Amino acid sequence: MVKISLTLCFAFLFPFLSVPSFSQGSWPDECTTVTAGRMATADGSVITSHTDDSHRTRSWMDIVPEKDHATGTTMPMFKRSYCDTTAMPSYSHVEIGRIPQAKHTHGYINTAYPCMNQYQVGIGESTFGGRSSLQSDEGLIDCQRLCLLILERCKTARQALRMTDKLTREYGWNDAGECLTISDKNEVWHLEIVGPGKGKTGAIWVAQRVPDEHISVNANASRIRHIDLSDPDYFMASANVYDMALDSGWSDSKEDFEFCYAYAPKSRTSMAARRREWRVFDMAAPSLGLDPNAENYPFSIKPDDPVTMDKLVTIFQDYYEGTPFNFIKNITVTDENGKTVISPLANPFMPYDMNKVFDINGGWGWRGERTIARWYTMYATIIQSRNWLPDEIGGLVWLALDNVATSIYIPVYAGATDLPEAYKTPGRTKGYTHESAWWAFNRLSTLTAQRWGDMRKDVNGVWSVWQKELFDDQKAIEQKALELYREDPQRARSFLTKYTGKWGQKVVEKAWILGDHLWTKYDEQF
């Protein structure tokens, strides 16, 4: 039996006490996004997704309606910086300039990284950093503002790529290397973008389309390698995509050019990224027998079976359980039958200081790795875009708060006009509050991790039943919405808004109740 020291017990009980401090742009393992073409999914949806794995992005969200703007109106651009003057660490946003506002802007679902607009354009995000010498403070546009600009101004993914090129050439990219996975009703693209070099204004970017029958993934590493700009149906890029690489000796020729190795080579060495890439592909297509230690995987793969919503939820809840890479597999005890089992206290969502107690490499995870599900996820989305339905119904964001492994996805339709008040209530700037939906799930996740082997069964016993109900009812709900839409689109929007509101309120109330249940049931077993 493993002997657990007082220090180790303390770390088990309070994983939220240690929050690391890093300089801006240095997060090595923030977000995961999985994409799927329309022929790779069970119902024909085009899919993008996002886990906002962050210690500082905002926890509230709302819905912004479409708007008309007067001639001469401008839009502010901001620089993110770390702010430690609020109750919890957060980002502050300092205005650094303005650009002309569009005459008309589309409505969108306003998560920390705005995620879907009224025309079914969806966005996922994952930071990969890139060479520090590429980042420039001369530009005005960062990742969050680019997401916003795309959703406010674009009706297709390709339009988004063309707009990105135009605006970053004129106003400049000021962020680290980012991957945006941009979907519409027909296709999904991965956009990888880095800065133009210190002191310069502009951007270097490339985009690759996921084939209709394939899925893809980004997990904090640049993944686009060889590009073929003679095939614009699958590749697009900035006019300068080769220049910096050739001038700097990062590539010998256009023929040998690989975007990821030219502009973000260190990201390809990250096991935190590569293991997640392998895990997503292996869960979707185990028949491929991919090497879990490989440096590179195909940009996209065909899944063994069409991907379902259930499958995607399972992928995002994963922490390598049942594989050699489950880094709590050796935290064992002897049960009452004399069998060696993983301790119920073993916690796959250990914070960094606890990893150090186990002498796990770098405090980031076993052998420098990390799981797909994370305890510091702010929110997660799985986004469906469907060309056979009106935009108000076809566009759908499945939204979960906090750690996906202890959460539930609720449906927020592109036609919805509002969210429950708890979702719109900030949870970080003033600290813990029962008014915030995010805190309900954050508390539940933190509690469940204290005795993971037992408590997760209580939580999953509720969420898995409700998640199945939501997925099972989806077709009937959308059929009803479609009937209303044919009579009056506004009636359909009202119906879907009420449906989102009902479920949003329901799961938040249940999250609080579940947390209280865990406190009671496991008193003195923490």
Protein backbone atom coordinates (compact mmCIF):
# COMPACT_ATOMS: atom_id res chain seq x y z
CA MET A 1 0.00 0.00 0.00
CA VAL A 2 1.24 3.48 -0.87
CA LYS A 3 2.04 5.56 2.21
CA ILE A 4 0.64 9.06 1.69
CA SER A 5 2.45 11.79 3.61
CA LEU A 6 0.73 14.72 5.29
CA THR A 7 2.06 16.98 2.57
CA LEU A 8 0.64 14.71 -0.13
CA CYS A 9 -2.74 14.54 1.61
CA PHE A 10 -2.80 18.33 1.81
CA ALA A 11 -2.08 18.54 -1.91
CA PHE A 12 -4.87 16.06 -2.67
CA LEU A 13 -7.32 18.08 -0.63
CA PHE A 14 -6.53 21.54 -1.93
CA PRO A 15 -5.47 21.42 -5.59
CA PHE A 16 -6.69 24.95 -6.14
CA LEU A 17 -4.17 26.57 -3.79
CA SER A 18 -1.33 26.74 -6.28
CA VAL A 19 -1.66 28.82 -9.42
CA PRO A 20 1.56 29.21 -11.41
CA SER A 21 2.85 32.49 -12.70
CA PHE A 22 4.19 32.78 -16.23
CA SER A 23 5.02 35.62 -18.54
CA GLN A 24 2.54 36.51 -21.25
CA GLY A 25 2.56 34.17 -24.22
CA SER A 26 4.46 31.40 -22.41
CA TRP A 27 1.62 29.00 -21.53
CA PRO A 28 2.73 25.65 -22.86
CA ASP A 29 -0.52 23.70 -22.70
CA GLU A 30 -3.58 25.88 -22.85
CA CYS A 31 -6.33 24.71 -25.20
CA THR A 32 -7.44 21.78 -27.32
CA THR A 33 -9.59 21.97 -30.45
CA VAL A 34 -10.96 19.06 -32.49
CA THR A 35 -12.49 19.56 -35.94
CA ALA A 36 -14.53 17.36 -38.27
CA GLY A 37 -15.70 17.66 -41.86
CA ARG A 38 -19.34 17.06 -42.71
CA MET A 39 -18.78 13.52 -44.01
CA ALA A 40 -16.84 12.55 -40.87
CA THR A 41 -19.75 13.17 -38.50
CA ALA A 42 -22.76 10.97 -37.82
CA ASP A 43 -25.33 13.60 -38.76
CA GLY A 44 -23.45 15.59 -41.42
CA SER A 45 -22.51 18.50 -39.14
CA VAL A 46 -19.31 20.44 -39.69
CA ILE A 47 -17.62 20.66 -36.30
CA THR A 48 -15.12 22.80 -34.50
CA SER A 49 -14.55 22.94 -30.75
CA HIS A 50 -12.49 24.49 -27.99
CA THR A 51 -11.45 23.97 -24.39
CA ASP A 52 -10.50 27.36 -22.98
CA ASP A 53 -7.83 26.04 -20.64
CA SER A 54 -6.82 29.21 -18.88
CA HIS A 55 -6.24 30.67 -15.44
CA ARG A 56 -7.14 34.22 -16.44
CA THR A 57 -9.80 34.51 -19.15
CA ARG A 58 -13.24 35.71 -18.08
CA SER A 59 -15.83 33.27 -16.85
CA TRP A 60 -18.98 35.10 -17.97
CA MET A 61 -20.57 35.07 -21.42
CA ASP A 62 -23.52 36.62 -23.22
CA ILE A 63 -25.11 37.01 -26.64
CA VAL A 64 -24.43 40.14 -28.69
CA PRO A 65 -27.07 41.05 -31.29
CA GLU A 66 -26.39 42.24 -34.82
CA LYS A 67 -25.97 46.00 -35.08
CA ASP A 68 -25.80 48.88 -37.55
CA HIS A 69 -23.06 51.45 -37.06
CA ALA A 70 -22.86 55.06 -38.15
CA THR A 71 -20.32 56.10 -40.76
CA GLY A 72 -17.01 56.93 -39.12
CA THR A 73 -17.52 54.63 -36.12
CA THR A 74 -14.31 52.96 -34.93
CA MET A 75 -13.63 49.76 -33.03
CA PRO A 76 -11.10 49.66 -30.16
CA MET A 77 -8.19 47.22 -30.20
CA PHE A 78 -6.66 46.02 -26.93
CA LYS A 79 -3.46 44.61 -25.52
CA ARG A 80 -3.96 41.86 -22.94
CA SER A 81 -1.83 41.94 -19.82
CA TYR A 82 -1.86 40.06 -16.54
CA CYS A 83 -3.85 41.68 -13.77
CA ASP A 84 -3.45 40.63 -10.13
CA THR A 85 -5.46 43.43 -8.52
CA THR A 86 -8.78 41.58 -8.77
CA ALA A 87 -9.96 38.82 -6.42
CA MET A 88 -8.51 36.21 -8.78
CA PRO A 89 -5.83 36.51 -11.48
CA SER A 90 -7.33 37.85 -14.70
CA TYR A 91 -6.54 39.70 -17.89
CA SER A 92 -6.75 43.46 -18.16
CA HIS A 93 -7.29 45.02 -21.56
CA VAL A 94 -5.59 48.30 -22.42
CA GLU A 95 -6.71 50.11 -25.54
CA ILE A 96 -3.83 50.45 -28.01
CA GLY A 97 -5.60 51.80 -31.09
CA ARG A 98 -8.71 51.73 -33.24
CA ILE A 99 -9.77 50.45 -36.63
CA PRO A 100 -12.81 51.42 -38.72
CA GLN A 101 -15.98 49.62 -37.66
CA ALA A 102 -18.03 47.74 -40.23
CA LYS A 103 -21.30 49.37 -41.29
CA HIS A 104 -23.14 46.28 -40.04
CA THR A 105 -21.94 43.63 -37.60
CA HIS A 106 -23.41 40.16 -37.14
CA GLY A 107 -24.72 38.81 -33.88
CA TYR A 108 -22.59 36.27 -32.02
CA ILE A 109 -22.21 34.16 -28.88
CA ASN A 110 -19.75 36.14 -26.80
CA THR A 111 -17.58 33.71 -24.85
CA ALA A 112 -14.06 34.79 -23.82
CA TYR A 113 -13.02 33.79 -27.32
CA PRO A 114 -16.23 34.59 -29.27
CA CYS A 115 -17.33 31.25 -30.68
CA MET A 116 -20.23 31.40 -33.19
CA ASN A 117 -22.21 33.95 -35.15
CA GLN A 118 -25.71 34.09 -36.59
CA TYR A 119 -24.52 32.64 -39.92
CA GLN A 120 -23.13 29.46 -38.37
CA VAL A 121 -19.48 30.50 -38.53
CA GLY A 122 -17.78 28.81 -35.57
CA ILE A 123 -14.30 29.23 -34.06
CA GLY A 124 -12.04 27.13 -31.84
CA GLU A 125 -8.62 28.23 -30.59
CA SER A 126 -5.30 26.81 -29.43
CA THR A 127 -2.08 28.72 -28.68
CA PHE A 128 1.23 27.33 -29.96
CA GLY A 129 3.53 30.28 -29.32
CA GLY A 130 6.13 30.09 -32.08
CA ARG A 131 9.49 31.82 -32.28
CA SER A 132 9.66 34.74 -29.85
CA SER A 133 11.50 36.78 -32.47
CA LEU A 134 8.35 36.82 -34.59
CA GLN A 135 6.10 38.55 -32.08
CA SER A 136 5.69 42.26 -32.71
CA ASP A 137 4.14 44.92 -30.51
CA GLU A 138 3.56 47.16 -33.55
CA GLY A 139 0.29 45.47 -34.51
CA LEU A 140 -3.20 46.10 -33.17
CA ILE A 141 -4.95 42.72 -33.51
CA ASP A 142 -4.67 39.88 -31.02
CA CYS A 143 -6.34 36.47 -30.95
CA GLN A 144 -9.48 37.40 -29.07
CA ARG A 145 -10.10 40.46 -31.23
CA LEU A 146 -9.55 38.44 -34.40
CA CYS A 147 -12.18 35.94 -33.28
CA LEU A 148 -14.55 38.84 -32.67
CA LEU A 149 -13.77 40.47 -36.03
CA ILE A 150 -14.37 37.22 -37.89
CA LEU A 151 -17.74 36.61 -36.27
CA GLU A 152 -18.90 40.20 -36.62
CA ARG A 153 -17.97 40.50 -40.30
CA CYS A 154 -17.89 37.08 -42.01
CA LYS A 155 -20.43 34.56 -43.28
CA THR A 156 -18.02 31.78 -44.35
CA ALA A 157 -14.68 30.38 -43.26
CA ARG A 158 -13.00 31.41 -46.50
CA GLN A 159 -14.25 34.95 -46.11
CA ALA A 160 -12.75 34.87 -42.62
CA LEU A 161 -9.35 33.90 -44.03
CA ARG A 162 -9.46 36.67 -46.65
CA MET A 163 -10.48 39.23 -44.01
CA THR A 164 -7.70 38.03 -41.69
CA ASP A 165 -5.19 38.62 -44.47
CA LYS A 166 -6.50 42.10 -45.23
CA LEU A 167 -6.74 43.34 -41.66
CA THR A 168 -3.45 41.90 -40.41
CA ARG A 169 -1.59 43.35 -43.42
CA GLU A 170 -3.03 46.76 -42.63
CA TYR A 171 -3.16 46.77 -38.83
CA GLY A 172 -0.80 43.97 -37.79
CA TRP A 173 -0.88 40.91 -35.53
CA ASN A 174 0.50 41.51 -32.01
CA ASP A 175 -0.03 38.10 -30.43
CA ALA A 176 1.94 34.87 -30.12
CA GLY A 177 1.42 32.01 -32.56
CA GLU A 178 -2.20 30.87 -32.62
CA CYS A 179 -4.32 28.27 -34.33
CA LEU A 180 -7.94 29.19 -35.03
CA THR A 181 -10.18 26.40 -36.28
CA ILE A 182 -12.86 28.11 -38.34
CA SER A 183 -15.99 26.31 -39.48
CA ASP A 184 -19.04 27.16 -41.51
CA LYS A 185 -22.00 25.21 -42.88
CA ASN A 186 -19.87 23.38 -45.43
CA GLU A 187 -16.24 23.12 -44.31
CA VAL A 188 -13.68 23.71 -41.59
CA TRP A 189 -10.17 25.20 -41.81
CA HIS A 190 -7.19 25.44 -39.48
CA LEU A 191 -5.63 28.91 -39.55
CA GLU A 192 -2.13 29.14 -38.06
CA ILE A 193 -0.82 32.66 -37.62
CA VAL A 194 2.36 34.21 -36.21
CA GLY A 195 3.80 37.70 -36.08
CA PRO A 196 5.90 39.31 -38.84
CA GLY A 197 9.00 39.88 -36.69
CA LYS A 198 9.87 42.42 -34.02
CA GLY A 199 9.26 46.01 -35.03
CA LYS A 200 7.18 45.05 -38.07
CA THR A 201 3.49 45.38 -38.83
CA GLY A 202 1.72 42.47 -40.49
CA ALA A 203 1.43 38.72 -40.01
CA ILE A 204 2.57 35.40 -41.43
CA TRP A 205 -0.19 32.85 -41.75
CA VAL A 206 -1.25 29.65 -43.45
CA ALA A 207 -4.56 27.80 -43.53
CA GLN A 208 -5.35 24.19 -44.37
CA ARG A 209 -8.82 22.73 -44.90
CA VAL A 210 -9.86 19.53 -43.19
CA PRO A 211 -11.14 17.10 -45.87
CA ASP A 212 -14.87 16.49 -45.59
CA GLU A 213 -14.42 12.86 -44.52
CA HIS A 214 -11.67 13.63 -41.95
CA ILE A 215 -11.16 14.92 -38.43
CA SER A 216 -8.22 16.97 -37.17
CA VAL A 217 -6.86 18.37 -33.91
CA ASN A 218 -4.73 21.17 -32.54
CA ALA A 219 -3.29 20.85 -29.04
CA ASN A 220 -0.91 23.80 -28.58
CA ALA A 221 1.48 22.90 -31.37
CA SER A 222 1.71 24.12 -34.94
CA ARG A 223 0.64 21.21 -37.16
CA ILE A 224 0.65 22.49 -40.75
CA ARG A 225 3.70 21.20 -42.55
CA HIS A 226 4.06 21.13 -46.35
CA ILE A 227 1.71 23.45 -48.21
CA ASP A 228 0.52 23.53 -51.83
CA LEU A 229 -0.70 27.01 -52.72
CA SER A 230 -1.58 25.79 -56.23
CA ASP A 231 -4.51 24.01 -54.55
CA PRO A 232 -6.56 26.87 -53.03
CA ASP A 233 -9.37 24.48 -52.16
CA TYR A 234 -7.15 23.11 -49.40
CA PHE A 235 -4.45 25.72 -48.77
CA MET A 236 -4.36 29.49 -48.36
CA ALA A 237 -1.55 31.67 -47.01
CA SER A 238 -0.23 35.19 -46.66
CA ALA A 239 1.88 36.45 -49.55
CA ASN A 240 4.93 36.52 -47.26
CA VAL A 241 4.55 32.98 -45.95
CA TYR A 242 7.96 31.84 -47.24
CA ASP A 243 9.94 35.09 -46.91
CA MET A 244 10.93 35.15 -43.25
CA ALA A 245 11.73 31.43 -43.23
CA LEU A 246 14.03 31.69 -46.25
CA ASP A 247 15.65 34.97 -45.16
CA SER A 248 16.35 33.62 -41.66
CA GLY A 249 17.61 30.23 -42.80
CA TRP A 250 14.73 28.39 -41.14
CA SER A 251 14.02 26.69 -44.45
CA ASP A 252 16.37 26.01 -47.34
CA SER A 253 13.81 26.37 -50.13
CA LYS A 254 10.13 26.61 -50.88
CA GLU A 255 10.19 22.93 -51.78
CA ASP A 256 11.55 21.99 -48.32
CA PHE A 257 9.41 24.53 -46.46
CA GLU A 258 7.32 23.24 -43.55
CA PHE A 259 5.34 25.92 -41.75
CA CYS A 260 5.50 24.34 -38.28
CA TYR A 261 9.26 23.74 -38.39
CA ALA A 262 10.00 27.15 -39.84
CA TYR A 263 7.94 29.22 -37.43
CA ALA A 264 7.18 27.10 -34.35
CA PRO A 265 9.73 24.26 -34.17
CA LYS A 266 9.74 23.95 -30.37
CA SER A 267 6.01 23.28 -30.34
CA ARG A 268 6.64 20.01 -32.17
CA THR A 269 8.85 18.78 -29.32
CA SER A 270 6.09 19.16 -26.73
CA MET A 271 4.78 15.86 -25.39
CA ALA A 272 1.92 17.83 -23.82
CA ALA A 273 0.82 18.55 -27.39
CA ARG A 274 1.85 15.40 -29.22
CA ARG A 275 0.26 12.99 -26.77
CA ARG A 276 -3.09 14.77 -27.06
CA GLU A 277 -2.84 14.68 -30.86
CA TRP A 278 -2.23 10.94 -30.70
CA ARG A 279 -5.02 10.39 -28.17
CA VAL A 280 -7.67 12.19 -30.24
CA PHE A 281 -6.73 10.29 -33.39
CA ASP A 282 -6.38 6.97 -31.58
CA MET A 283 -9.79 7.29 -29.94
CA ALA A 284 -11.40 8.11 -33.29
CA ALA A 285 -9.44 5.62 -35.41
CA PRO A 286 -7.77 2.91 -33.31
CA SER A 287 -7.42 0.83 -36.47
CA LEU A 288 -4.59 3.11 -37.60
CA GLY A 289 -2.38 1.90 -34.75
CA LEU A 290 -0.62 5.27 -34.50
CA ASP A 291 2.63 5.39 -32.53
CA PRO A 292 1.96 7.29 -29.27
CA ASN A 293 5.58 8.49 -29.28
CA ALA A 294 5.68 9.86 -32.82
CA GLU A 295 6.71 13.45 -33.45
CA ASN A 296 4.24 14.04 -36.26
CA TYR A 297 0.85 12.61 -37.19
CA PRO A 298 -1.14 13.23 -40.36
CA PHE A 299 -2.79 16.65 -40.44
CA SER A 300 -6.12 14.85 -40.49
CA ILE A 301 -7.42 11.28 -40.47
CA LYS A 302 -10.58 9.42 -41.41
CA PRO A 303 -12.31 8.09 -38.27
CA ASP A 304 -13.17 4.40 -38.12
CA ASP A 305 -16.82 5.36 -37.64
CA PRO A 306 -18.62 8.67 -38.17
CA VAL A 307 -18.05 10.86 -35.12
CA THR A 308 -21.01 11.34 -32.80
CA MET A 309 -21.59 13.98 -30.15
CA ASP A 310 -21.19 11.27 -27.51
CA LYS A 311 -17.78 10.42 -28.94
CA LEU A 312 -16.64 14.03 -28.89
CA VAL A 313 -17.73 14.46 -25.28
CA THR A 314 -15.80 11.31 -24.37
CA ILE A 315 -12.70 12.63 -26.11
CA PHE A 316 -12.83 15.93 -24.26
CA GLN A 317 -13.35 14.19 -20.91
CA ASP A 318 -10.29 12.00 -21.43
CA TYR A 319 -7.25 11.78 -19.16
CA TYR A 320 -5.63 8.65 -20.66
CA GLU A 321 -7.47 6.27 -18.36
CA GLY A 322 -6.80 2.69 -19.43
CA THR A 323 -3.56 3.59 -21.22
CA PRO A 324 0.09 3.47 -20.10
CA PHE A 325 0.00 7.29 -20.08
CA ASN A 326 -2.47 7.66 -17.21
CA PHE A 327 -0.02 9.27 -14.80
CA ILE A 328 -1.99 8.26 -11.68
CA LYS A 329 -1.98 4.56 -12.56
CA ASN A 330 0.79 3.84 -10.05
CA ILE A 331 -0.90 5.61 -7.11
CA THR A 332 -2.30 2.37 -5.77
CA VAL A 333 -3.67 0.84 -2.59
CA THR A 334 -4.76 -2.65 -1.56
CA ASP A 335 -8.54 -2.98 -1.34
CA GLU A 336 -10.52 -5.09 1.12
CA ASN A 337 -10.18 -8.11 -1.17
CA GLY A 338 -6.40 -7.85 -1.29
CA LYS A 339 -6.44 -6.52 -4.86
CA THR A 340 -4.13 -3.70 -5.91
CA VAL A 341 -6.23 -0.84 -7.29
CA ILE A 342 -5.77 2.83 -8.09
CA SER A 343 -6.41 4.80 -4.91
CA PRO A 344 -9.76 6.58 -4.82
CA LEU A 345 -7.74 9.63 -3.77
CA ALA A 346 -5.61 9.51 -6.94
CA ASN A 347 -6.44 12.67 -8.81
CA PRO A 348 -5.85 13.01 -12.59
CA PHE A 349 -6.30 16.77 -12.26
CA MET A 350 -3.41 17.41 -9.93
CA PRO A 351 -2.11 20.99 -9.84
CA TYR A 352 1.51 21.75 -10.52
CA ASP A 353 2.77 21.64 -6.94
CA MET A 354 1.20 18.23 -6.46
CA ASN A 355 2.95 16.94 -9.58
CA LYS A 356 6.20 18.05 -7.96
CA VAL A 357 5.36 16.05 -4.83
CA PHE A 358 5.28 13.00 -7.10
CA ASP A 359 8.47 14.22 -8.81
CA ILE A 360 6.59 14.39 -12.11
CA ASN A 361 8.62 16.19 -14.75
CA GLY A 362 8.48 19.95 -14.55
CA GLY A 363 5.28 20.00 -12.54
CA TRP A 364 3.28 19.97 -15.76
CA GLY A 365 2.45 16.31 -15.97
CA TRP A 366 3.96 12.90 -16.38
CA ARG A 367 7.00 13.15 -18.71
CA GLY A 368 6.05 16.74 -19.49
CA GLU A 369 2.57 15.74 -20.64
CA ARG A 370 -0.97 16.80 -19.86
CA THR A 371 -4.43 15.37 -20.27
CA ILE A 372 -7.16 16.58 -22.64
CA ALA A 373 -9.54 17.31 -19.74
CA ARG A 374 -8.07 19.92 -17.38
CA TRP A 375 -9.00 21.27 -13.99
CA TYR A 376 -8.37 24.87 -15.11
CA THR A 377 -10.68 24.84 -18.13
CA MET A 378 -12.85 27.97 -17.98
CA TYR A 379 -15.40 26.70 -20.49
CA ALA A 380 -15.58 24.32 -23.43
CA THR A 381 -17.51 24.29 -26.69
CA ILE A 382 -18.42 21.74 -29.35
CA ILE A 383 -19.87 23.64 -32.30
CA GLN A 384 -22.15 22.20 -34.98
CA SER A 385 -22.79 23.98 -38.31
CA ARG A 386 -25.42 22.37 -40.55
CA ASN A 387 -26.28 23.43 -44.08
CA TRP A 388 -29.70 21.76 -44.25
CA LEU A 389 -31.21 23.93 -41.50
CA PRO A 390 -31.87 27.65 -41.21
CA ASP A 391 -28.95 29.42 -39.58
CA GLU A 392 -30.88 30.13 -36.38
CA ILE A 393 -31.38 26.38 -35.85
CA GLY A 394 -28.44 24.86 -37.74
CA GLY A 395 -25.81 26.72 -35.75
CA LEU A 396 -25.40 25.16 -32.31
CA VAL A 397 -22.82 25.63 -29.56
CA TRP A 398 -22.72 22.87 -26.97
CA LEU A 399 -21.38 24.74 -23.95
CA ALA A 400 -19.81 23.30 -20.78
CA LEU A 401 -18.32 25.19 -17.84
CA ASP A 402 -15.08 24.38 -16.04
CA ASN A 403 -13.51 20.89 -16.20
CA VAL A 404 -15.31 18.91 -18.92
CA ALA A 405 -14.77 15.68 -16.97
CA THR A 406 -17.17 16.92 -14.28
CA SER A 407 -19.44 19.08 -16.42
CA ILE A 408 -22.29 18.84 -18.93
CA TYR A 409 -22.78 20.48 -22.33
CA ILE A 410 -25.95 22.53 -22.78
CA PRO A 411 -27.25 23.67 -26.20
CA VAL A 412 -26.96 27.35 -27.19
CA TYR A 413 -28.38 27.92 -30.67
CA ALA A 414 -27.20 30.57 -33.11
CA GLY A 415 -30.74 31.95 -32.99
CA ALA A 416 -30.81 32.32 -29.20
CA THR A 417 -31.12 35.88 -27.98
CA ASP A 418 -30.14 35.53 -24.33
CA LEU A 419 -28.49 33.33 -21.70
CA PRO A 420 -29.50 32.73 -18.07
CA GLU A 421 -28.34 35.46 -15.71
CA ALA A 422 -25.88 33.14 -13.95
CA TYR A 423 -23.92 32.70 -17.18
CA LYS A 424 -23.64 36.45 -17.62
CA THR A 425 -22.40 37.01 -14.06
CA PRO A 426 -18.60 37.46 -13.67
CA GLY A 427 -17.06 34.87 -11.38
CA ARG A 428 -13.39 35.78 -11.14
CA THR A 429 -13.00 39.52 -10.65
CA LYS A 430 -14.88 39.62 -7.33
CA GLY A 431 -14.32 36.03 -6.29
CA TYR A 432 -16.57 33.18 -5.17
CA THR A 433 -20.28 33.80 -5.59
CA HIS A 434 -23.42 31.67 -5.86
CA GLU A 435 -24.63 34.08 -8.54
CA SER A 436 -22.10 32.75 -11.08
CA ALA A 437 -22.70 29.62 -13.17
CA TRP A 438 -18.96 29.10 -13.55
CA TRP A 439 -18.46 28.92 -9.77
CA ALA A 440 -21.12 26.22 -9.48
CA PHE A 441 -19.11 23.97 -11.79
CA ASN A 442 -15.71 25.08 -10.52
CA ARG A 443 -16.67 24.15 -6.97
CA LEU A 444 -18.10 20.82 -8.15
CA SER A 445 -14.95 19.99 -10.11
CA THR A 446 -12.67 20.88 -7.20
CA LEU A 447 -14.68 18.77 -4.77
CA THR A 448 -14.88 15.79 -7.12
CA ALA A 449 -11.12 15.74 -7.51
CA GLN A 450 -10.64 15.21 -3.77
CA ARG A 451 -11.80 11.61 -3.94
CA TRP A 452 -11.93 11.12 -7.69
CA GLY A 453 -12.26 7.36 -7.72
CA ASP A 454 -15.58 7.54 -5.86
CA MET A 455 -16.99 11.01 -6.35
CA ARG A 456 -16.86 10.99 -10.14
CA LYS A 457 -19.43 8.18 -10.06
CA ASP A 458 -21.87 10.40 -8.19
CA VAL A 459 -21.34 13.24 -10.66
CA ASN A 460 -21.38 11.14 -13.82
CA GLY A 461 -24.47 9.35 -12.57
CA VAL A 462 -26.35 12.63 -12.98
CA TRP A 463 -24.66 14.33 -15.94
CA SER A 464 -24.45 11.28 -18.21
CA VAL A 465 -28.22 10.73 -17.94
CA TRP A 466 -28.99 14.38 -18.61
CA GLN A 467 -26.45 14.60 -21.45
CA LYS A 468 -28.08 11.60 -23.12
CA GLU A 469 -31.48 13.24 -22.71
CA LEU A 470 -30.22 16.40 -24.38
CA PHE A 471 -28.72 14.53 -27.32
CA ASP A 472 -31.74 12.25 -27.66
CA ASP A 473 -34.17 15.18 -27.63
CA GLN A 474 -32.19 17.30 -30.08
CA LYS A 475 -33.97 16.11 -33.21
CA ALA A 476 -37.44 16.68 -31.79
CA ILE A 477 -36.55 20.11 -30.42
CA GLU A 478 -35.14 21.19 -33.76
CA GLN A 479 -38.15 19.83 -35.63
CA LYS A 480 -40.40 21.93 -33.41
CA ALA A 481 -38.18 24.96 -33.95
CA LEU A 482 -38.28 24.39 -37.71
CA GLU A 483 -42.09 24.29 -37.69
CA LEU A 484 -42.16 27.56 -35.78
CA TYR A 485 -39.54 29.05 -38.09
CA ARG A 486 -41.74 28.42 -41.13
CA GLU A 487 -44.50 30.40 -39.44
CA ASP A 488 -42.30 33.12 -37.98
CA PRO A 489 -38.50 33.03 -37.46
CA GLN A 490 -38.86 35.12 -34.31
CA ARG A 491 -41.06 32.47 -32.71
CA ALA A 492 -38.38 29.89 -33.41
CA ARG A 493 -35.71 32.11 -31.84
CA SER A 494 -37.87 32.65 -28.76
CA PHE A 495 -38.49 28.90 -28.46
CA LEU A 496 -34.78 28.08 -28.69
CA THR A 497 -33.83 30.86 -26.25
CA LYS A 498 -36.27 29.48 -23.68
CA TYR A 499 -34.93 25.96 -24.24
CA THR A 500 -31.36 27.10 -23.62
CA GLY A 501 -32.49 29.09 -20.59
CA LYS A 502 -34.35 26.15 -19.09
CA TRP A 503 -31.39 23.80 -19.36
CA GLY A 504 -28.85 26.43 -18.36
CA GLN A 505 -30.73 27.16 -15.17
CA LYS A 506 -31.38 23.48 -14.52
CA VAL A 507 -27.74 22.34 -14.70
CA VAL A 508 -26.45 25.25 -12.60
CA GLU A 509 -28.94 24.52 -9.85
CA LYS A 510 -28.01 20.83 -9.99
CA ALA A 511 -24.29 21.59 -9.87
CA TRP A 512 -24.77 23.42 -6.57
CA ILE A 513 -26.88 20.56 -5.21
CA LEU A 514 -24.31 17.96 -6.32
CA GLY A 515 -21.55 19.88 -4.59
CA ASP A 516 -23.52 19.93 -1.35
CA HIS A 517 -24.20 16.21 -1.78
CA LEU A 518 -20.47 15.46 -2.05
CA TRP A 519 -19.67 17.48 1.07
CA THR A 520 -22.29 15.48 2.97
CA LYS A 521 -21.74 11.99 1.59
CA TYR A 522 -17.95 12.03 1.84
CA ASP A 523 -17.51 13.96 5.07
CA GLU A 524 -14.31 12.70 6.74
CA GLN A 525 -13.34 10.71 3.62
CA PHE A 526 -11.62 13.62 1.85
